[in-house]
Amino acid sequence: MFNQLSYFEQSFNNLAELSQRVSDVEFELCQFIDCDFSHGHFSNCRFIACEFINCNLTALNWGYSALEQVSFARCKLNSIQWTEVNWPQLA
């Protein structure tokens, strides 16, 4: 699905990647619109200033991925283990 190590200012629309695993990828200023990542796994990824809009993230495993200034609008966020997110340290 994601074959590059980093993505910058890209928009991903209508992806249906149920139960897929993505590892060690960085996304910066990206938009995910109408995507279905339910039961997927993002392992050690980094999301910087990204937007998830109208996405299904049910039971998504963040696998210690970093979320920095990420927003979620009209998304399904059921059964997510938020403790597995690598949150940025607060100064």
PDB file of N, CA and C in Angstrom:
ATOM      1  N   MET A   1       0.822  -1.187   0.000  1.00  0.00           N
ATOM      2  CA  MET A   1       0.000   0.000   0.000  1.00  0.00           C
ATOM      3  C   MET A   1       0.868   1.254   0.000  1.00  0.00           C
ATOM      4  N   PHE A   2       1.700   1.456   1.010  1.00  0.00           N
ATOM      5  CA  PHE A   2       2.610   2.600   1.055  1.00  0.00           C
ATOM      6  C   PHE A   2       4.016   2.067   0.820  1.00  0.00           C
ATOM      7  N   ASN A   3       4.573   2.320  -0.359  1.00  0.00           N
ATOM      8  CA  ASN A   3       5.863   1.735  -0.710  1.00  0.00           C
ATOM      9  C   ASN A   3       7.032   2.714  -0.580  1.00  0.00           C
ATOM     10  N   GLN A   4       6.770   3.935  -0.130  1.00  0.00           N
ATOM     11  CA  GLN A   4       7.840   4.904   0.115  1.00  0.00           C
ATOM     12  C   GLN A   4       8.066   5.020   1.614  1.00  0.00           C
ATOM     13  N   LEU A   5       9.227   5.560   2.000  1.00  0.00           N
ATOM     14  CA  LEU A   5       9.519   5.746   3.421  1.00  0.00           C
ATOM     15  C   LEU A   5       8.931   7.029   3.973  1.00  0.00           C
ATOM     16  N   SER A   6       8.620   7.999   3.091  1.00  0.00           N
ATOM     17  CA  SER A   6       8.020   9.243   3.567  1.00  0.00           C
ATOM     18  C   SER A   6       7.106   9.838   2.498  1.00  0.00           C
ATOM     19  N   TYR A   7       6.076  10.526   3.004  1.00  0.00           N
ATOM     20  CA  TYR A   7       5.098  11.199   2.146  1.00  0.00           C
ATOM     21  C   TYR A   7       4.920  12.609   2.675  1.00  0.00           C
ATOM     22  N   PHE A   8       4.886  13.592   1.778  1.00  0.00           N
ATOM     23  CA  PHE A   8       4.755  14.993   2.163  1.00  0.00           C
ATOM     24  C   PHE A   8       3.647  15.642   1.343  1.00  0.00           C
ATOM     25  N   GLU A   9       2.710  16.297   2.035  1.00  0.00           N
ATOM     26  CA  GLU A   9       1.605  17.018   1.395  1.00  0.00           C
ATOM     27  C   GLU A   9       0.865  16.173   0.350  1.00  0.00           C
ATOM     28  N   GLN A  10       0.526  14.966   0.734  1.00  0.00           N
ATOM     29  CA  GLN A  10      -0.221  14.104  -0.178  1.00  0.00           C
ATOM     30  C   GLN A  10      -1.609  13.854   0.374  1.00  0.00           C
ATOM     31  N   SER A  11      -2.530  13.606  -0.532  1.00  0.00           N
ATOM     32  CA  SER A  11      -3.894  13.293  -0.152  1.00  0.00           C
ATOM     33  C   SER A  11      -4.195  11.856  -0.564  1.00  0.00           C
ATOM     34  N   PHE A  12      -4.704  11.083   0.395  1.00  0.00           N
ATOM     35  CA  PHE A  12      -5.058   9.688   0.142  1.00  0.00           C
ATOM     36  C   PHE A  12      -6.572   9.582   0.269  1.00  0.00           C
ATOM     37  N   ASN A  13      -7.241   9.161  -0.790  1.00  0.00           N
ATOM     38  CA  ASN A  13      -8.690   9.115  -0.831  1.00  0.00           C
ATOM     39  C   ASN A  13      -9.199   7.703  -1.064  1.00  0.00           C
ATOM     40  N   ASN A  14     -10.244   7.352  -0.328  1.00  0.00           N
ATOM     41  CA  ASN A  14     -10.969   6.094  -0.526  1.00  0.00           C
ATOM     42  C   ASN A  14     -10.097   4.841  -0.451  1.00  0.00           C
ATOM     43  N   LEU A  15      -9.098   4.846   0.399  1.00  0.00           N
ATOM     44  CA  LEU A  15      -8.298   3.636   0.581  1.00  0.00           C
ATOM     45  C   LEU A  15      -9.083   2.668   1.467  1.00  0.00           C
ATOM     46  N   ALA A  16      -9.114   1.426   1.089  1.00  0.00           N
ATOM     47  CA  ALA A  16      -9.749   0.378   1.886  1.00  0.00           C
ATOM     48  C   ALA A  16      -8.694  -0.669   2.183  1.00  0.00           C
ATOM     49  N   GLU A  17      -7.937  -0.419   3.219  1.00  0.00           N
ATOM     50  CA  GLU A  17      -6.791  -1.273   3.563  1.00  0.00           C
ATOM     51  C   GLU A  17      -7.050  -1.973   4.885  1.00  0.00           C
ATOM     52  N   LEU A  18      -8.114  -2.730   4.939  1.00  0.00           N
ATOM     53  CA  LEU A  18      -8.488  -3.428   6.160  1.00  0.00           C
ATOM     54  C   LEU A  18      -7.421  -4.447   6.548  1.00  0.00           C
ATOM     55  N   SER A  19      -7.090  -4.460   7.815  1.00  0.00           N
ATOM     56  CA  SER A  19      -6.155  -5.433   8.394  1.00  0.00           C
ATOM     57  C   SER A  19      -4.757  -5.393   7.783  1.00  0.00           C
ATOM     58  N   GLN A  20      -4.366  -4.294   7.181  1.00  0.00           N
ATOM     59  CA  GLN A  20      -3.035  -4.175   6.588  1.00  0.00           C
ATOM     60  C   GLN A  20      -2.026  -3.675   7.620  1.00  0.00           C
ATOM     61  N   ARG A  21      -0.764  -3.970   7.386  1.00  0.00           N
ATOM     62  CA  ARG A  21       0.320  -3.543   8.281  1.00  0.00           C
ATOM     63  C   ARG A  21       1.230  -2.574   7.524  1.00  0.00           C
ATOM     64  N   VAL A  22       1.509  -1.432   8.143  1.00  0.00           N
ATOM     65  CA  VAL A  22       2.405  -0.424   7.585  1.00  0.00           C
ATOM     66  C   VAL A  22       3.466  -0.129   8.641  1.00  0.00           C
ATOM     67  N   SER A  23       4.746  -0.200   8.266  1.00  0.00           N
ATOM     68  CA  SER A  23       5.824  -0.012   9.233  1.00  0.00           C
ATOM     69  C   SER A  23       6.824   1.036   8.769  1.00  0.00           C
ATOM     70  N   ASP A  24       7.290   1.845   9.725  1.00  0.00           N
ATOM     71  CA  ASP A  24       8.411   2.769   9.534  1.00  0.00           C
ATOM     72  C   ASP A  24       8.213   3.752   8.378  1.00  0.00           C
ATOM     73  N   VAL A  25       7.023   4.325   8.273  1.00  0.00           N
ATOM     74  CA  VAL A  25       6.726   5.311   7.230  1.00  0.00           C
ATOM     75  C   VAL A  25       6.393   6.638   7.904  1.00  0.00           C
ATOM     76  N   GLU A  26       6.857   7.733   7.320  1.00  0.00           N
ATOM     77  CA  GLU A  26       6.569   9.065   7.852  1.00  0.00           C
ATOM     78  C   GLU A  26       5.618   9.800   6.918  1.00  0.00           C
ATOM     79  N   PHE A  27       4.578  10.400   7.507  1.00  0.00           N
ATOM     80  CA  PHE A  27       3.593  11.182   6.773  1.00  0.00           C
ATOM     81  C   PHE A  27       3.604  12.595   7.346  1.00  0.00           C
ATOM     82  N   GLU A  28       3.815  13.587   6.497  1.00  0.00           N
ATOM     83  CA  GLU A  28       3.802  14.975   6.970  1.00  0.00           C
ATOM     84  C   GLU A  28       2.854  15.798   6.111  1.00  0.00           C
ATOM     85  N   LEU A  29       1.955  16.526   6.771  1.00  0.00           N
ATOM     86  CA  LEU A  29       0.961  17.376   6.108  1.00  0.00           C
ATOM     87  C   LEU A  29       0.131  16.595   5.096  1.00  0.00           C
ATOM     88  N   CYS A  30      -0.217  15.374   5.453  1.00  0.00           N
ATOM     89  CA  CYS A  30      -1.017  14.521   4.566  1.00  0.00           C
ATOM     90  C   CYS A  30      -2.471  14.494   5.025  1.00  0.00           C
ATOM     91  N   GLN A  31      -3.358  14.234   4.074  1.00  0.00           N
ATOM     92  CA  GLN A  31      -4.769  14.065   4.361  1.00  0.00           C
ATOM     93  C   GLN A  31      -5.182  12.650   3.996  1.00  0.00           C
ATOM     94  N   PHE A  32      -5.992  12.052   4.864  1.00  0.00           N
ATOM     95  CA  PHE A  32      -6.577  10.746   4.624  1.00  0.00           C
ATOM     96  C   PHE A  32      -8.088  10.969   4.616  1.00  0.00           C
ATOM     97  N   ILE A  33      -8.720  10.806   3.464  1.00  0.00           N
ATOM     98  CA  ILE A  33     -10.134  11.131   3.300  1.00  0.00           C
ATOM     99  C   ILE A  33     -10.901   9.884   2.875  1.00  0.00           C
ATOM    100  N   ASP A  34     -11.959   9.579   3.618  1.00  0.00           N
ATOM    101  CA  ASP A  34     -12.819   8.428   3.328  1.00  0.00           C
ATOM    102  C   ASP A  34     -12.035   7.115   3.242  1.00  0.00           C
ATOM    103  N   CYS A  35     -11.065   6.943   4.119  1.00  0.00           N
ATOM    104  CA  CYS A  35     -10.246   5.730   4.125  1.00  0.00           C
ATOM    105  C   CYS A  35     -10.735   4.760   5.202  1.00  0.00           C
ATOM    106  N   ASP A  36     -10.543   3.483   4.950  1.00  0.00           N
ATOM    107  CA  ASP A  36     -10.899   2.451   5.912  1.00  0.00           C
ATOM    108  C   ASP A  36      -9.638   1.694   6.316  1.00  0.00           C
ATOM    109  N   PHE A  37      -9.134   1.996   7.504  1.00  0.00           N
ATOM    110  CA  PHE A  37      -7.957   1.327   8.045  1.00  0.00           C
ATOM    111  C   PHE A  37      -8.344   0.426   9.216  1.00  0.00           C
ATOM    112  N   SER A  38      -9.611   0.032   9.288  1.00  0.00           N
ATOM    113  CA  SER A  38     -10.067  -0.754  10.431  1.00  0.00           C
ATOM    114  C   SER A  38      -9.271  -2.054  10.557  1.00  0.00           C
ATOM    115  N   HIS A  39      -8.943  -2.372  11.804  1.00  0.00           N
ATOM    116  CA  HIS A  39      -8.177  -3.573  12.154  1.00  0.00           C
ATOM    117  C   HIS A  39      -6.788  -3.580  11.523  1.00  0.00           C
ATOM    118  N   GLY A  40      -6.300  -2.422  11.102  1.00  0.00           N
ATOM    119  CA  GLY A  40      -4.960  -2.311  10.526  1.00  0.00           C
ATOM    120  C   GLY A  40      -3.907  -2.087  11.598  1.00  0.00           C
ATOM    121  N   HIS A  41      -2.676  -1.953  11.173  1.00  0.00           N
ATOM    122  CA  HIS A  41      -1.557  -1.786  12.102  1.00  0.00           C
ATOM    123  C   HIS A  41      -0.536  -0.823  11.498  1.00  0.00           C
ATOM    124  N   PHE A  42      -0.347   0.327  12.150  1.00  0.00           N
ATOM    125  CA  PHE A  42       0.723   1.254  11.792  1.00  0.00           C
ATOM    126  C   PHE A  42       1.812   1.077  12.837  1.00  0.00           C
ATOM    127  N   SER A  43       2.927   0.508  12.477  1.00  0.00           N
ATOM    128  CA  SER A  43       4.003   0.216  13.414  1.00  0.00           C
ATOM    129  C   SER A  43       5.163   1.187  13.235  1.00  0.00           C
ATOM    130  N   ASN A  44       5.484   1.917  14.306  1.00  0.00           N
ATOM    131  CA  ASN A  44       6.608   2.861  14.312  1.00  0.00           C
ATOM    132  C   ASN A  44       6.550   3.864  13.159  1.00  0.00           C
ATOM    133  N   CYS A  45       5.363   4.309  12.834  1.00  0.00           N
ATOM    134  CA  CYS A  45       5.201   5.346  11.807  1.00  0.00           C
ATOM    135  C   CYS A  45       5.167   6.704  12.483  1.00  0.00           C
ATOM    136  N   ARG A  46       5.233   7.752  11.702  1.00  0.00           N
ATOM    137  CA  ARG A  46       5.184   9.112  12.247  1.00  0.00           C
ATOM    138  C   ARG A  46       4.203   9.930  11.419  1.00  0.00           C
ATOM    139  N   PHE A  47       3.246  10.543  12.091  1.00  0.00           N
ATOM    140  CA  PHE A  47       2.233  11.386  11.461  1.00  0.00           C
ATOM    141  C   PHE A  47       2.406  12.799  11.998  1.00  0.00           C
ATOM    142  N   ILE A  48       2.774  13.733  11.125  1.00  0.00           N
ATOM    143  CA  ILE A  48       3.022  15.113  11.530  1.00  0.00           C
ATOM    144  C   ILE A  48       2.022  16.028  10.822  1.00  0.00           C
ATOM    145  N   ALA A  49       1.192  16.707  11.592  1.00  0.00           N
ATOM    146  CA  ALA A  49       0.204  17.652  11.062  1.00  0.00           C
ATOM    147  C   ALA A  49      -0.663  17.025   9.971  1.00  0.00           C
ATOM    148  N   CYS A  50      -1.111  15.808  10.204  1.00  0.00           N
ATOM    149  CA  CYS A  50      -1.965  15.099   9.244  1.00  0.00           C
ATOM    150  C   CYS A  50      -3.430  15.223   9.651  1.00  0.00           C
ATOM    151  N   GLU A  51      -4.309  15.033   8.676  1.00  0.00           N
ATOM    152  CA  GLU A  51      -5.744  15.067   8.921  1.00  0.00           C
ATOM    153  C   GLU A  51      -6.375  13.752   8.480  1.00  0.00           C
ATOM    154  N   PHE A  52      -7.224  13.204   9.332  1.00  0.00           N
ATOM    155  CA  PHE A  52      -8.038  12.047   8.994  1.00  0.00           C
ATOM    156  C   PHE A  52      -9.475  12.553   8.929  1.00  0.00           C
ATOM    157  N   ILE A  53     -10.096  12.445   7.758  1.00  0.00           N
ATOM    158  CA  ILE A  53     -11.440  12.973   7.549  1.00  0.00           C
ATOM    159  C   ILE A  53     -12.362  11.856   7.076  1.00  0.00           C
ATOM    160  N   ASN A  54     -13.424  11.645   7.845  1.00  0.00           N
ATOM    161  CA  ASN A  54     -14.427  10.638   7.496  1.00  0.00           C
ATOM    162  C   ASN A  54     -13.801   9.255   7.280  1.00  0.00           C
ATOM    163  N   CYS A  55     -12.894   8.865   8.170  1.00  0.00           N
ATOM    164  CA  CYS A  55     -12.196   7.579   8.051  1.00  0.00           C
ATOM    165  C   CYS A  55     -12.705   6.585   9.089  1.00  0.00           C
ATOM    166  N   ASN A  56     -12.598   5.309   8.767  1.00  0.00           N
ATOM    167  CA  ASN A  56     -12.909   4.245   9.705  1.00  0.00           C
ATOM    168  C   ASN A  56     -11.581   3.732  10.266  1.00  0.00           C
ATOM    169  N   LEU A  57     -11.347   4.029  11.548  1.00  0.00           N
ATOM    170  CA  LEU A  57     -10.115   3.604  12.210  1.00  0.00           C
ATOM    171  C   LEU A  57     -10.409   2.606  13.331  1.00  0.00           C
ATOM    172  N   THR A  58     -11.537   1.944  13.251  1.00  0.00           N
ATOM    173  CA  THR A  58     -11.960   0.993  14.273  1.00  0.00           C
ATOM    174  C   THR A  58     -10.898  -0.075  14.507  1.00  0.00           C
ATOM    175  N   ALA A  59     -10.523  -0.235  15.771  1.00  0.00           N
ATOM    176  CA  ALA A  59      -9.556  -1.259  16.196  1.00  0.00           C
ATOM    177  C   ALA A  59      -8.198  -1.117  15.508  1.00  0.00           C
ATOM    178  N   LEU A  60      -7.868   0.086  15.088  1.00  0.00           N
ATOM    179  CA  LEU A  60      -6.552   0.333  14.499  1.00  0.00           C
ATOM    180  C   LEU A  60      -5.491   0.254  15.586  1.00  0.00           C
ATOM    181  N   ASN A  61      -4.415  -0.421  15.310  1.00  0.00           N
ATOM    182  CA  ASN A  61      -3.303  -0.528  16.243  1.00  0.00           C
ATOM    183  C   ASN A  61      -2.230   0.466  15.798  1.00  0.00           C
ATOM    184  N   TRP A  62      -1.933   1.445  16.636  1.00  0.00           N
ATOM    185  CA  TRP A  62      -0.946   2.479  16.271  1.00  0.00           C
ATOM    186  C   TRP A  62       0.480   1.980  16.437  1.00  0.00           C
ATOM    187  N   GLY A  63       0.712   0.882  17.138  1.00  0.00           N
ATOM    188  CA  GLY A  63       2.034   0.262  17.236  1.00  0.00           C
ATOM    189  C   GLY A  63       3.162   1.211  17.574  1.00  0.00           C
ATOM    190  N   TYR A  64       2.939   2.090  18.547  1.00  0.00           N
ATOM    191  CA  TYR A  64       3.932   3.060  18.999  1.00  0.00           C
ATOM    192  C   TYR A  64       4.331   4.059  17.908  1.00  0.00           C
ATOM    193  N   SER A  65       3.391   4.347  17.035  1.00  0.00           N
ATOM    194  CA  SER A  65       3.600   5.406  16.041  1.00  0.00           C
ATOM    195  C   SER A  65       3.447   6.759  16.729  1.00  0.00           C
ATOM    196  N   ALA A  66       4.115   7.764  16.180  1.00  0.00           N
ATOM    197  CA  ALA A  66       4.052   9.123  16.739  1.00  0.00           C
ATOM    198  C   ALA A  66       2.952   9.915  16.046  1.00  0.00           C
ATOM    199  N   LEU A  67       2.122  10.585  16.853  1.00  0.00           N
ATOM    200  CA  LEU A  67       1.077  11.462  16.336  1.00  0.00           C
ATOM    201  C   LEU A  67       1.369  12.876  16.836  1.00  0.00           C
ATOM    202  N   GLU A  68       1.701  13.763  15.917  1.00  0.00           N
ATOM    203  CA  GLU A  68       2.036  15.141  16.284  1.00  0.00           C
ATOM    204  C   GLU A  68       1.122  16.094  15.513  1.00  0.00           C
ATOM    205  N   GLN A  69       0.262  16.802  16.229  1.00  0.00           N
ATOM    206  CA  GLN A  69      -0.672  17.755  15.637  1.00  0.00           C
ATOM    207  C   GLN A  69      -1.573  17.087  14.599  1.00  0.00           C
ATOM    208  N   VAL A  70      -2.057  15.904  14.916  1.00  0.00           N
ATOM    209  CA  VAL A  70      -2.951  15.153  14.036  1.00  0.00           C
ATOM    210  C   VAL A  70      -4.393  15.471  14.412  1.00  0.00           C
ATOM    211  N   SER A  71      -5.252  15.614  13.397  1.00  0.00           N
ATOM    212  CA  SER A  71      -6.666  15.876  13.677  1.00  0.00           C
ATOM    213  C   SER A  71      -7.540  14.786  13.068  1.00  0.00           C
ATOM    214  N   PHE A  72      -8.675  14.568  13.726  1.00  0.00           N
ATOM    215  CA  PHE A  72      -9.647  13.568  13.287  1.00  0.00           C
ATOM    216  C   PHE A  72     -11.000  14.265  13.161  1.00  0.00           C
ATOM    217  N   ALA A  73     -11.627  14.185  11.991  1.00  0.00           N
ATOM    218  CA  ALA A  73     -12.944  14.789  11.775  1.00  0.00           C
ATOM    219  C   ALA A  73     -13.892  13.729  11.221  1.00  0.00           C
ATOM    220  N   ARG A  74     -15.001  13.537  11.920  1.00  0.00           N
ATOM    221  CA  ARG A  74     -16.029  12.580  11.488  1.00  0.00           C
ATOM    222  C   ARG A  74     -15.455  11.174  11.265  1.00  0.00           C
ATOM    223  N   CYS A  75     -14.570  10.735  12.137  1.00  0.00           N
ATOM    224  CA  CYS A  75     -13.938   9.408  12.010  1.00  0.00           C
ATOM    225  C   CYS A  75     -14.510   8.443  13.041  1.00  0.00           C
ATOM    226  N   LYS A  76     -14.500   7.159  12.707  1.00  0.00           N
ATOM    227  CA  LYS A  76     -14.830   6.108  13.661  1.00  0.00           C
ATOM    228  C   LYS A  76     -13.546   5.752  14.387  1.00  0.00           C
ATOM    229  N   LEU A  77     -13.546   5.950  15.700  1.00  0.00           N
ATOM    230  CA  LEU A  77     -12.349   5.730  16.508  1.00  0.00           C
ATOM    231  C   LEU A  77     -12.608   4.708  17.611  1.00  0.00           C
ATOM    232  N   ASN A  78     -13.389   3.694  17.325  1.00  0.00           N
ATOM    233  CA  ASN A  78     -13.764   2.681  18.318  1.00  0.00           C
ATOM    234  C   ASN A  78     -12.638   1.679  18.546  1.00  0.00           C
ATOM    235  N   SER A  79     -12.502   1.232  19.772  1.00  0.00           N
ATOM    236  CA  SER A  79     -11.601   0.131  20.160  1.00  0.00           C
ATOM    237  C   SER A  79     -10.139   0.397  19.815  1.00  0.00           C
ATOM    238  N   ILE A  80      -9.698   1.620  19.975  1.00  0.00           N
ATOM    239  CA  ILE A  80      -8.290   1.967  19.725  1.00  0.00           C
ATOM    240  C   ILE A  80      -7.547   1.996  21.056  1.00  0.00           C
ATOM    241  N   GLN A  81      -6.369   1.407  21.089  1.00  0.00           N
ATOM    242  CA  GLN A  81      -5.520   1.442  22.270  1.00  0.00           C
ATOM    243  C   GLN A  81      -4.641   2.692  22.205  1.00  0.00           C
ATOM    244  N   TRP A  82      -5.156   3.791  22.738  1.00  0.00           N
ATOM    245  CA  TRP A  82      -4.427   5.063  22.655  1.00  0.00           C
ATOM    246  C   TRP A  82      -3.130   5.029  23.460  1.00  0.00           C
ATOM    247  N   THR A  83      -2.992   4.103  24.394  1.00  0.00           N
ATOM    248  CA  THR A  83      -1.759   4.013  25.170  1.00  0.00           C
ATOM    249  C   THR A  83      -0.586   3.512  24.334  1.00  0.00           C
ATOM    250  N   GLU A  84      -0.859   2.958  23.167  1.00  0.00           N
ATOM    251  CA  GLU A  84       0.214   2.470  22.290  1.00  0.00           C
ATOM    252  C   GLU A  84       0.720   3.539  21.326  1.00  0.00           C
ATOM    253  N   VAL A  85       0.212   4.756  21.472  1.00  0.00           N
ATOM    254  CA  VAL A  85       0.674   5.868  20.639  1.00  0.00           C
ATOM    255  C   VAL A  85       1.897   6.482  21.295  1.00  0.00           C
ATOM    256  N   ASN A  86       2.866   6.844  20.473  1.00  0.00           N
ATOM    257  CA  ASN A  86       4.061   7.534  20.965  1.00  0.00           C
ATOM    258  C   ASN A  86       3.772   9.032  20.913  1.00  0.00           C
ATOM    259  N   TRP A  87       3.237   9.552  22.011  1.00  0.00           N
ATOM    260  CA  TRP A  87       2.865  10.968  22.061  1.00  0.00           C
ATOM    261  C   TRP A  87       4.117  11.830  22.203  1.00  0.00           C
ATOM    262  N   PRO A  88       4.144  13.012  21.578  1.00  0.00           N
ATOM    263  CA  PRO A  88       5.300  13.898  21.738  1.00  0.00           C
ATOM    264  C   PRO A  88       5.391  14.363  23.178  1.00  0.00           C
ATOM    265  N   GLN A  89       6.594  14.571  23.646  1.00  0.00           N
ATOM    266  CA  GLN A  89       6.788  15.015  25.012  1.00  0.00           C
ATOM    267  C   GLN A  89       6.354  16.466  25.139  1.00  0.00           C
ATOM    268  N   LEU A  90       5.715  16.757  26.252  1.00  0.00           N
ATOM    269  CA  LEU A  90       5.281  18.118  26.503  1.00  0.00           C
ATOM    270  C   LEU A  90       6.391  18.867  27.228  1.00  0.00           C
ATOM    271  N   ALA A  91       6.657  20.083  26.770  1.00  0.00           N
ATOM    272  CA  ALA A  91       7.705  20.888  27.403  1.00  0.00           C
ATOM    273  C   ALA A  91       7.133  21.602  28.603  1.00  0.00           C
TER     274      ALA A  91
END
